[in-house]
Amino acid sequence: MVSAVHSGRKSPRFKIETPGMIYDPKGTPLFACTVRDISATGAGLALSEDAPLPESFFLTFTRDGAVRRLCAPVWQLSVVAGVRFTDKS
C-alpha cells in the first residue's frame, strides 16, 4: 500500500518498500538498497551496507535495471540516505 507523507516538501513523498540497486554512472553495480519513500524529485533509501554514495549514480527500481533514475545524494547517515533525481523525467 502506498501512502502520502506530508512534511512541507515541494513534492508529496509516498511511503513504499521496493527493492532497488545502485549503479555507478558506467553501469557497474555497487550495492543493493530498499527505496523507502519516493516523490517526483527524490527518494529515501535504506542501503544494504554502510558505504558512501557516489556524487552521481543510477538507482534502479526493477531487477533488470530497465527502470532507473540518475541521482545525487542530498544527505546520508550510515545506511539511510536521501537522494534527489538529477535526470529529466
PDB file of N, CA and C in Angstrom:
ATOM      1  N   MET A   1       0.840  -1.178   0.000  1.00  0.00           N
ATOM      2  CA  MET A   1       0.000   0.000   0.000  1.00  0.00           C
ATOM      3  C   MET A   1       0.886   1.242   0.000  1.00  0.00           C
ATOM      4  N   VAL A   2       0.534   2.214  -0.790  1.00  0.00           N
ATOM      5  CA  VAL A   2       1.285   3.457  -0.902  1.00  0.00           C
ATOM      6  C   VAL A   2       0.518   4.548  -0.176  1.00  0.00           C
ATOM      7  N   SER A   3       1.213   5.266   0.700  1.00  0.00           N
ATOM      8  CA  SER A   3       0.548   6.352   1.420  1.00  0.00           C
ATOM      9  C   SER A   3       1.406   7.605   1.335  1.00  0.00           C
ATOM     10  N   ALA A   4       0.749   8.742   1.224  1.00  0.00           N
ATOM     11  CA  ALA A   4       1.457  10.016   1.091  1.00  0.00           C
ATOM     12  C   ALA A   4       1.980  10.470   2.445  1.00  0.00           C
ATOM     13  N   VAL A   5       3.165  11.056   2.419  1.00  0.00           N
ATOM     14  CA  VAL A   5       3.781  11.644   3.602  1.00  0.00           C
ATOM     15  C   VAL A   5       3.825  13.146   3.364  1.00  0.00           C
ATOM     16  N   HIS A   6       3.184  13.906   4.240  1.00  0.00           N
ATOM     17  CA  HIS A   6       3.169  15.361   4.084  1.00  0.00           C
ATOM     18  C   HIS A   6       4.113  15.975   5.106  1.00  0.00           C
ATOM     19  N   SER A   7       5.159  16.623   4.615  1.00  0.00           N
ATOM     20  CA  SER A   7       6.136  17.205   5.529  1.00  0.00           C
ATOM     21  C   SER A   7       6.611  18.567   5.039  1.00  0.00           C
ATOM     22  N   GLY A   8       5.761  19.283   4.311  1.00  0.00           N
ATOM     23  CA  GLY A   8       6.136  20.589   3.826  1.00  0.00           C
ATOM     24  C   GLY A   8       7.069  20.549   2.629  1.00  0.00           C
ATOM     25  N   ARG A   9       7.194  19.408   1.972  1.00  0.00           N
ATOM     26  CA  ARG A   9       8.045  19.279   0.792  1.00  0.00           C
ATOM     27  C   ARG A   9       7.360  19.862  -0.425  1.00  0.00           C
ATOM     28  N   LYS A  10       8.165  20.177  -1.436  1.00  0.00           N
ATOM     29  CA  LYS A  10       7.619  20.686  -2.693  1.00  0.00           C
ATOM     30  C   LYS A  10       6.770  19.631  -3.385  1.00  0.00           C
ATOM     31  N   SER A  11       7.230  18.387  -3.358  1.00  0.00           N
ATOM     32  CA  SER A  11       6.504  17.279  -3.975  1.00  0.00           C
ATOM     33  C   SER A  11       6.110  16.289  -2.882  1.00  0.00           C
ATOM     34  N   PRO A  12       4.864  15.797  -2.916  1.00  0.00           N
ATOM     35  CA  PRO A  12       4.488  14.804  -1.910  1.00  0.00           C
ATOM     36  C   PRO A  12       5.360  13.553  -2.024  1.00  0.00           C
ATOM     37  N   ARG A  13       5.720  13.009  -0.890  1.00  0.00           N
ATOM     38  CA  ARG A  13       6.545  11.810  -0.837  1.00  0.00           C
ATOM     39  C   ARG A  13       5.647  10.653  -0.429  1.00  0.00           C
ATOM     40  N   PHE A  14       5.800   9.512  -1.099  1.00  0.00           N
ATOM     41  CA  PHE A  14       4.965   8.351  -0.849  1.00  0.00           C
ATOM     42  C   PHE A  14       5.792   7.226  -0.255  1.00  0.00           C
ATOM     43  N   LYS A  15       5.293   6.663   0.850  1.00  0.00           N
ATOM     44  CA  LYS A  15       5.981   5.547   1.503  1.00  0.00           C
ATOM     45  C   LYS A  15       5.808   4.290   0.659  1.00  0.00           C
ATOM     46  N   ILE A  16       6.949   3.633   0.377  1.00  0.00           N
ATOM     47  CA  ILE A  16       6.937   2.356  -0.337  1.00  0.00           C
ATOM     48  C   ILE A  16       8.046   1.493   0.255  1.00  0.00           C
ATOM     49  N   GLU A  17       8.083   0.259  -0.080  1.00  0.00           N
ATOM     50  CA  GLU A  17       9.181  -0.641   0.301  1.00  0.00           C
ATOM     51  C   GLU A  17       9.512  -1.460  -0.944  1.00  0.00           C
ATOM     52  N   THR A  18      10.367  -0.899  -1.798  1.00  0.00           N
ATOM     53  CA  THR A  18      10.692  -1.522  -3.066  1.00  0.00           C
ATOM     54  C   THR A  18      12.186  -1.804  -3.144  1.00  0.00           C
ATOM     55  N   PRO A  19      12.576  -3.027  -3.519  1.00  0.00           N
ATOM     56  CA  PRO A  19      13.999  -3.310  -3.683  1.00  0.00           C
ATOM     57  C   PRO A  19      14.580  -2.459  -4.806  1.00  0.00           C
ATOM     58  N   GLY A  20      15.792  -2.003  -4.624  1.00  0.00           N
ATOM     59  CA  GLY A  20      16.482  -1.221  -5.634  1.00  0.00           C
ATOM     60  C   GLY A  20      17.939  -1.630  -5.710  1.00  0.00           C
ATOM     61  N   MET A  21      18.633  -1.058  -6.671  1.00  0.00           N
ATOM     62  CA  MET A  21      20.064  -1.328  -6.843  1.00  0.00           C
ATOM     63  C   MET A  21      20.739  -0.030  -7.240  1.00  0.00           C
ATOM     64  N   ILE A  22      21.920   0.190  -6.716  1.00  0.00           N
ATOM     65  CA  ILE A  22      22.689   1.385  -7.021  1.00  0.00           C
ATOM     66  C   ILE A  22      23.836   0.999  -7.953  1.00  0.00           C
ATOM     67  N   TYR A  23      23.928   1.734  -9.080  1.00  0.00           N
ATOM     68  CA  TYR A  23      24.967   1.525 -10.089  1.00  0.00           C
ATOM     69  C   TYR A  23      25.777   2.799 -10.238  1.00  0.00           C
ATOM     70  N   ASP A  24      27.065   2.651 -10.534  1.00  0.00           N
ATOM     71  CA  ASP A  24      27.845   3.840 -10.839  1.00  0.00           C
ATOM     72  C   ASP A  24      27.450   4.349 -12.227  1.00  0.00           C
ATOM     73  N   PRO A  25      27.887   5.552 -12.617  1.00  0.00           N
ATOM     74  CA  PRO A  25      27.481   6.114 -13.911  1.00  0.00           C
ATOM     75  C   PRO A  25      27.860   5.265 -15.126  1.00  0.00           C
ATOM     76  N   LYS A  26      28.844   4.363 -14.972  1.00  0.00           N
ATOM     77  CA  LYS A  26      29.237   3.493 -16.077  1.00  0.00           C
ATOM     78  C   LYS A  26      28.404   2.223 -16.139  1.00  0.00           C
ATOM     79  N   GLY A  27      27.529   2.012 -15.136  1.00  0.00           N
ATOM     80  CA  GLY A  27      26.665   0.835 -15.129  1.00  0.00           C
ATOM     81  C   GLY A  27      27.156  -0.324 -14.285  1.00  0.00           C
ATOM     82  N   THR A  28      28.208  -0.120 -13.512  1.00  0.00           N
ATOM     83  CA  THR A  28      28.717  -1.165 -12.625  1.00  0.00           C
ATOM     84  C   THR A  28      27.882  -1.203 -11.353  1.00  0.00           C
ATOM     85  N   PRO A  29      27.340  -2.378 -10.983  1.00  0.00           N
ATOM     86  CA  PRO A  29      26.553  -2.443  -9.753  1.00  0.00           C
ATOM     87  C   PRO A  29      27.433  -2.201  -8.520  1.00  0.00           C
ATOM     88  N   LEU A  30      26.918  -1.390  -7.590  1.00  0.00           N
ATOM     89  CA  LEU A  30      27.655  -1.086  -6.371  1.00  0.00           C
ATOM     90  C   LEU A  30      27.086  -1.834  -5.171  1.00  0.00           C
ATOM     91  N   PHE A  31      25.807  -1.654  -4.876  1.00  0.00           N
ATOM     92  CA  PHE A  31      25.159  -2.380  -3.787  1.00  0.00           C
ATOM     93  C   PHE A  31      23.646  -2.219  -3.870  1.00  0.00           C
ATOM     94  N   ALA A  32      22.971  -3.090  -3.151  1.00  0.00           N
ATOM     95  CA  ALA A  32      21.510  -3.093  -3.130  1.00  0.00           C
ATOM     96  C   ALA A  32      20.986  -2.079  -2.121  1.00  0.00           C
ATOM     97  N   CYS A  33      19.730  -1.745  -2.270  1.00  0.00           N
ATOM     98  CA  CYS A  33      19.076  -0.845  -1.328  1.00  0.00           C
ATOM     99  C   CYS A  33      17.580  -1.145  -1.331  1.00  0.00           C
ATOM    100  N   THR A  34      16.884  -0.490  -0.422  1.00  0.00           N
ATOM    101  CA  THR A  34      15.424  -0.509  -0.405  1.00  0.00           C
ATOM    102  C   THR A  34      14.961   0.926  -0.541  1.00  0.00           C
ATOM    103  N   VAL A  35      14.097   1.171  -1.514  1.00  0.00           N
ATOM    104  CA  VAL A  35      13.510   2.501  -1.677  1.00  0.00           C
ATOM    105  C   VAL A  35      12.366   2.580  -0.675  1.00  0.00           C
ATOM    106  N   ARG A  36      12.506   3.441   0.323  1.00  0.00           N
ATOM    107  CA  ARG A  36      11.529   3.517   1.418  1.00  0.00           C
ATOM    108  C   ARG A  36      10.458   4.559   1.185  1.00  0.00           C
ATOM    109  N   ASP A  37      10.810   5.607   0.439  1.00  0.00           N
ATOM    110  CA  ASP A  37       9.816   6.607   0.045  1.00  0.00           C
ATOM    111  C   ASP A  37      10.286   7.264  -1.236  1.00  0.00           C
ATOM    112  N   ILE A  38       9.329   7.847  -1.957  1.00  0.00           N
ATOM    113  CA  ILE A  38       9.648   8.412  -3.265  1.00  0.00           C
ATOM    114  C   ILE A  38       8.737   9.596  -3.552  1.00  0.00           C
ATOM    115  N   SER A  39       9.263  10.542  -4.319  1.00  0.00           N
ATOM    116  CA  SER A  39       8.479  11.687  -4.784  1.00  0.00           C
ATOM    117  C   SER A  39       8.885  11.965  -6.224  1.00  0.00           C
ATOM    118  N   ALA A  40       8.353  13.007  -6.801  1.00  0.00           N
ATOM    119  CA  ALA A  40       8.730  13.384  -8.163  1.00  0.00           C
ATOM    120  C   ALA A  40      10.172  13.865  -8.226  1.00  0.00           C
ATOM    121  N   THR A  41      10.720  14.306  -7.090  1.00  0.00           N
ATOM    122  CA  THR A  41      12.052  14.905  -7.098  1.00  0.00           C
ATOM    123  C   THR A  41      13.139  14.096  -6.399  1.00  0.00           C
ATOM    124  N   GLY A  42      12.785  13.035  -5.687  1.00  0.00           N
ATOM    125  CA  GLY A  42      13.804  12.271  -4.984  1.00  0.00           C
ATOM    126  C   GLY A  42      13.246  11.070  -4.256  1.00  0.00           C
ATOM    127  N   ALA A  43      14.109  10.454  -3.438  1.00  0.00           N
ATOM    128  CA  ALA A  43      13.726   9.235  -2.732  1.00  0.00           C
ATOM    129  C   ALA A  43      14.507   9.109  -1.434  1.00  0.00           C
ATOM    130  N   GLY A  44      13.972   8.311  -0.531  1.00  0.00           N
ATOM    131  CA  GLY A  44      14.653   7.931   0.698  1.00  0.00           C
ATOM    132  C   GLY A  44      15.065   6.485   0.567  1.00  0.00           C
ATOM    133  N   LEU A  45      16.305   6.180   0.903  1.00  0.00           N
ATOM    134  CA  LEU A  45      16.841   4.837   0.718  1.00  0.00           C
ATOM    135  C   LEU A  45      17.346   4.237   2.020  1.00  0.00           C
ATOM    136  N   ALA A  46      17.228   2.925   2.123  1.00  0.00           N
ATOM    137  CA  ALA A  46      17.914   2.150   3.145  1.00  0.00           C
ATOM    138  C   ALA A  46      18.942   1.317   2.391  1.00  0.00           C
ATOM    139  N   LEU A  47      20.219   1.554   2.657  1.00  0.00           N
ATOM    140  CA  LEU A  47      21.296   0.896   1.925  1.00  0.00           C
ATOM    141  C   LEU A  47      21.625  -0.456   2.535  1.00  0.00           C
ATOM    142  N   SER A  48      22.100  -1.394   1.717  1.00  0.00           N
ATOM    143  CA  SER A  48      22.442  -2.728   2.205  1.00  0.00           C
ATOM    144  C   SER A  48      23.771  -2.750   2.947  1.00  0.00           C
ATOM    145  N   GLU A  49      24.568  -1.685   2.785  1.00  0.00           N
ATOM    146  CA  GLU A  49      25.842  -1.604   3.503  1.00  0.00           C
ATOM    147  C   GLU A  49      26.173  -0.147   3.809  1.00  0.00           C
ATOM    148  N   ASP A  50      27.012   0.032   4.801  1.00  0.00           N
ATOM    149  CA  ASP A  50      27.430   1.371   5.209  1.00  0.00           C
ATOM    150  C   ASP A  50      28.592   1.798   4.318  1.00  0.00           C
ATOM    151  N   ALA A  51      28.252   2.367   3.160  1.00  0.00           N
ATOM    152  CA  ALA A  51      29.252   2.825   2.196  1.00  0.00           C
ATOM    153  C   ALA A  51      28.805   4.177   1.662  1.00  0.00           C
ATOM    154  N   PRO A  52      29.738   5.078   1.403  1.00  0.00           N
ATOM    155  CA  PRO A  52      29.343   6.388   0.894  1.00  0.00           C
ATOM    156  C   PRO A  52      28.777   6.290  -0.523  1.00  0.00           C
ATOM    157  N   LEU A  53      27.716   7.035  -0.765  1.00  0.00           N
ATOM    158  CA  LEU A  53      27.148   7.097  -2.105  1.00  0.00           C
ATOM    159  C   LEU A  53      28.051   7.948  -2.990  1.00  0.00           C
ATOM    160  N   PRO A  54      28.191   7.577  -4.265  1.00  0.00           N
ATOM    161  CA  PRO A  54      28.974   8.424  -5.178  1.00  0.00           C
ATOM    162  C   PRO A  54      28.266   9.747  -5.456  1.00  0.00           C
ATOM    163  N   GLU A  55      28.983  10.702  -6.023  1.00  0.00           N
ATOM    164  CA  GLU A  55      28.404  12.016  -6.328  1.00  0.00           C
ATOM    165  C   GLU A  55      27.253  11.908  -7.322  1.00  0.00           C
ATOM    166  N   SER A  56      27.326  10.915  -8.208  1.00  0.00           N
ATOM    167  CA  SER A  56      26.283  10.681  -9.200  1.00  0.00           C
ATOM    168  C   SER A  56      26.150   9.178  -9.379  1.00  0.00           C
ATOM    169  N   PHE A  57      24.921   8.673  -9.446  1.00  0.00           N
ATOM    170  CA  PHE A  57      24.705   7.233  -9.585  1.00  0.00           C
ATOM    171  C   PHE A  57      23.320   6.969 -10.143  1.00  0.00           C
ATOM    172  N   PHE A  58      23.130   5.752 -10.639  1.00  0.00           N
ATOM    173  CA  PHE A  58      21.817   5.321 -11.100  1.00  0.00           C
ATOM    174  C   PHE A  58      21.152   4.495 -10.013  1.00  0.00           C
ATOM    175  N   LEU A  59      19.887   4.763  -9.768  1.00  0.00           N
ATOM    176  CA  LEU A  59      19.059   3.981  -8.868  1.00  0.00           C
ATOM    177  C   LEU A  59      18.067   3.235  -9.740  1.00  0.00           C
ATOM    178  N   THR A  60      18.075   1.911  -9.637  1.00  0.00           N
ATOM    179  CA  THR A  60      17.136   1.118 -10.431  1.00  0.00           C
ATOM    180  C   THR A  60      16.011   0.621  -9.540  1.00  0.00           C
ATOM    181  N   PHE A  61      14.847   0.475 -10.154  1.00  0.00           N
ATOM    182  CA  PHE A  61      13.648   0.045  -9.442  1.00  0.00           C
ATOM    183  C   PHE A  61      13.147  -1.311  -9.911  1.00  0.00           C
ATOM    184  N   THR A  62      13.830  -1.908 -10.871  1.00  0.00           N
ATOM    185  CA  THR A  62      13.436  -3.227 -11.380  1.00  0.00           C
ATOM    186  C   THR A  62      14.658  -4.134 -11.406  1.00  0.00           C
ATOM    187  N   ARG A  63      14.419  -5.434 -11.364  1.00  0.00           N
ATOM    188  CA  ARG A  63      15.538  -6.387 -11.347  1.00  0.00           C
ATOM    189  C   ARG A  63      16.407  -6.301 -12.591  1.00  0.00           C
ATOM    190  N   ASP A  64      15.784  -6.008 -13.733  1.00  0.00           N
ATOM    191  CA  ASP A  64      16.564  -5.945 -14.974  1.00  0.00           C
ATOM    192  C   ASP A  64      17.188  -4.574 -15.205  1.00  0.00           C
ATOM    193  N   GLY A  65      16.936  -3.606 -14.317  1.00  0.00           N
ATOM    194  CA  GLY A  65      17.527  -2.283 -14.427  1.00  0.00           C
ATOM    195  C   GLY A  65      16.886  -1.401 -15.482  1.00  0.00           C
ATOM    196  N   ALA A  66      15.757  -1.841 -16.038  1.00  0.00           N
ATOM    197  CA  ALA A  66      15.105  -1.076 -17.103  1.00  0.00           C
ATOM    198  C   ALA A  66      14.517   0.238 -16.592  1.00  0.00           C
ATOM    199  N   VAL A  67      14.047   0.265 -15.352  1.00  0.00           N
ATOM    200  CA  VAL A  67      13.506   1.492 -14.766  1.00  0.00           C
ATOM    201  C   VAL A  67      14.570   2.048 -13.837  1.00  0.00           C
ATOM    202  N   ARG A  68      15.137   3.194 -14.218  1.00  0.00           N
ATOM    203  CA  ARG A  68      16.226   3.765 -13.432  1.00  0.00           C
ATOM    204  C   ARG A  68      16.169   5.285 -13.489  1.00  0.00           C
ATOM    205  N   ARG A  69      16.780   5.893 -12.488  1.00  0.00           N
ATOM    206  CA  ARG A  69      16.871   7.356 -12.410  1.00  0.00           C
ATOM    207  C   ARG A  69      18.295   7.728 -12.040  1.00  0.00           C
ATOM    208  N   LEU A  70      18.796   8.797 -12.645  1.00  0.00           N
ATOM    209  CA  LEU A  70      20.089   9.336 -12.274  1.00  0.00           C
ATOM    210  C   LEU A  70      19.894  10.151 -11.000  1.00  0.00           C
ATOM    211  N   CYS A  71      20.753   9.947 -10.025  1.00  0.00           N
ATOM    212  CA  CYS A  71      20.579  10.562  -8.700  1.00  0.00           C
ATOM    213  C   CYS A  71      21.862  11.204  -8.195  1.00  0.00           C
ATOM    214  N   ALA A  72      21.678  12.059  -7.194  1.00  0.00           N
ATOM    215  CA  ALA A  72      22.778  12.632  -6.417  1.00  0.00           C
ATOM    216  C   ALA A  72      22.363  12.577  -4.949  1.00  0.00           C
ATOM    217  N   PRO A  73      23.293  12.251  -4.056  1.00  0.00           N
ATOM    218  CA  PRO A  73      22.936  12.227  -2.636  1.00  0.00           C
ATOM    219  C   PRO A  73      22.679  13.635  -2.104  1.00  0.00           C
ATOM    220  N   VAL A  74      21.692  13.752  -1.227  1.00  0.00           N
ATOM    221  CA  VAL A  74      21.404  15.008  -0.537  1.00  0.00           C
ATOM    222  C   VAL A  74      21.950  14.913   0.881  1.00  0.00           C
ATOM    223  N   TRP A  75      21.713  13.768   1.508  1.00  0.00           N
ATOM    224  CA  TRP A  75      22.237  13.515   2.846  1.00  0.00           C
ATOM    225  C   TRP A  75      22.408  12.010   3.016  1.00  0.00           C
ATOM    226  N   GLN A  76      23.281  11.611   3.943  1.00  0.00           N
ATOM    227  CA  GLN A  76      23.474  10.193   4.249  1.00  0.00           C
ATOM    228  C   GLN A  76      23.907  10.065   5.695  1.00  0.00           C
ATOM    229  N   LEU A  77      23.274   9.159   6.402  1.00  0.00           N
ATOM    230  CA  LEU A  77      23.640   8.832   7.769  1.00  0.00           C
ATOM    231  C   LEU A  77      23.751   7.315   7.837  1.00  0.00           C
ATOM    232  N   SER A  78      24.971   6.823   7.729  1.00  0.00           N
ATOM    233  CA  SER A  78      25.249   5.396   7.727  1.00  0.00           C
ATOM    234  C   SER A  78      24.501   4.713   6.583  1.00  0.00           C
ATOM    235  N   VAL A  79      23.493   3.888   6.895  1.00  0.00           N
ATOM    236  CA  VAL A  79      22.795   3.110   5.864  1.00  0.00           C
ATOM    237  C   VAL A  79      21.460   3.724   5.449  1.00  0.00           C
ATOM    238  N   VAL A  80      21.224   4.971   5.818  1.00  0.00           N
ATOM    239  CA  VAL A  80      19.987   5.672   5.437  1.00  0.00           C
ATOM    240  C   VAL A  80      20.401   6.924   4.666  1.00  0.00           C
ATOM    241  N   ALA A  81      19.707   7.190   3.543  1.00  0.00           N
ATOM    242  CA  ALA A  81      20.092   8.330   2.713  1.00  0.00           C
ATOM    243  C   ALA A  81      18.890   8.937   2.026  1.00  0.00           C
ATOM    244  N   GLY A  82      19.024  10.211   1.709  1.00  0.00           N
ATOM    245  CA  GLY A  82      18.051  10.915   0.894  1.00  0.00           C
ATOM    246  C   GLY A  82      18.734  11.326  -0.400  1.00  0.00           C
ATOM    247  N   VAL A  83      18.088  11.088  -1.522  1.00  0.00           N
ATOM    248  CA  VAL A  83      18.678  11.409  -2.817  1.00  0.00           C
ATOM    249  C   VAL A  83      17.706  12.250  -3.633  1.00  0.00           C
ATOM    250  N   ARG A  84      18.275  13.022  -4.560  1.00  0.00           N
ATOM    251  CA  ARG A  84      17.429  13.778  -5.493  1.00  0.00           C
ATOM    252  C   ARG A  84      17.666  13.226  -6.878  1.00  0.00           C
ATOM    253  N   PHE A  85      16.616  13.262  -7.679  1.00  0.00           N
ATOM    254  CA  PHE A  85      16.724  12.837  -9.063  1.00  0.00           C
ATOM    255  C   PHE A  85      17.320  13.985  -9.856  1.00  0.00           C
ATOM    256  N   THR A  86      18.340  13.707 -10.643  1.00  0.00           N
ATOM    257  CA  THR A  86      19.022  14.745 -11.394  1.00  0.00           C
ATOM    258  C   THR A  86      18.760  14.658 -12.895  1.00  0.00           C
ATOM    259  N   ASP A  87      18.079  13.588 -13.326  1.00  0.00           N
ATOM    260  CA  ASP A  87      17.741  13.479 -14.739  1.00  0.00           C
ATOM    261  C   ASP A  87      16.396  14.141 -14.974  1.00  0.00           C
ATOM    262  N   LYS A  88      16.083  14.392 -16.209  1.00  0.00           N
ATOM    263  CA  LYS A  88      14.789  14.952 -16.572  1.00  0.00           C
ATOM    264  C   LYS A  88      13.814  13.806 -16.761  1.00  0.00           C
ATOM    265  N   SER A  89      12.667  13.895 -16.117  1.00  0.00           N
ATOM    266  CA  SER A  89      11.680  12.829 -16.269  1.00  0.00           C
ATOM    267  C   SER A  89      10.427  13.337 -16.920  1.00  0.00           C
TER     268      SER A  89
END
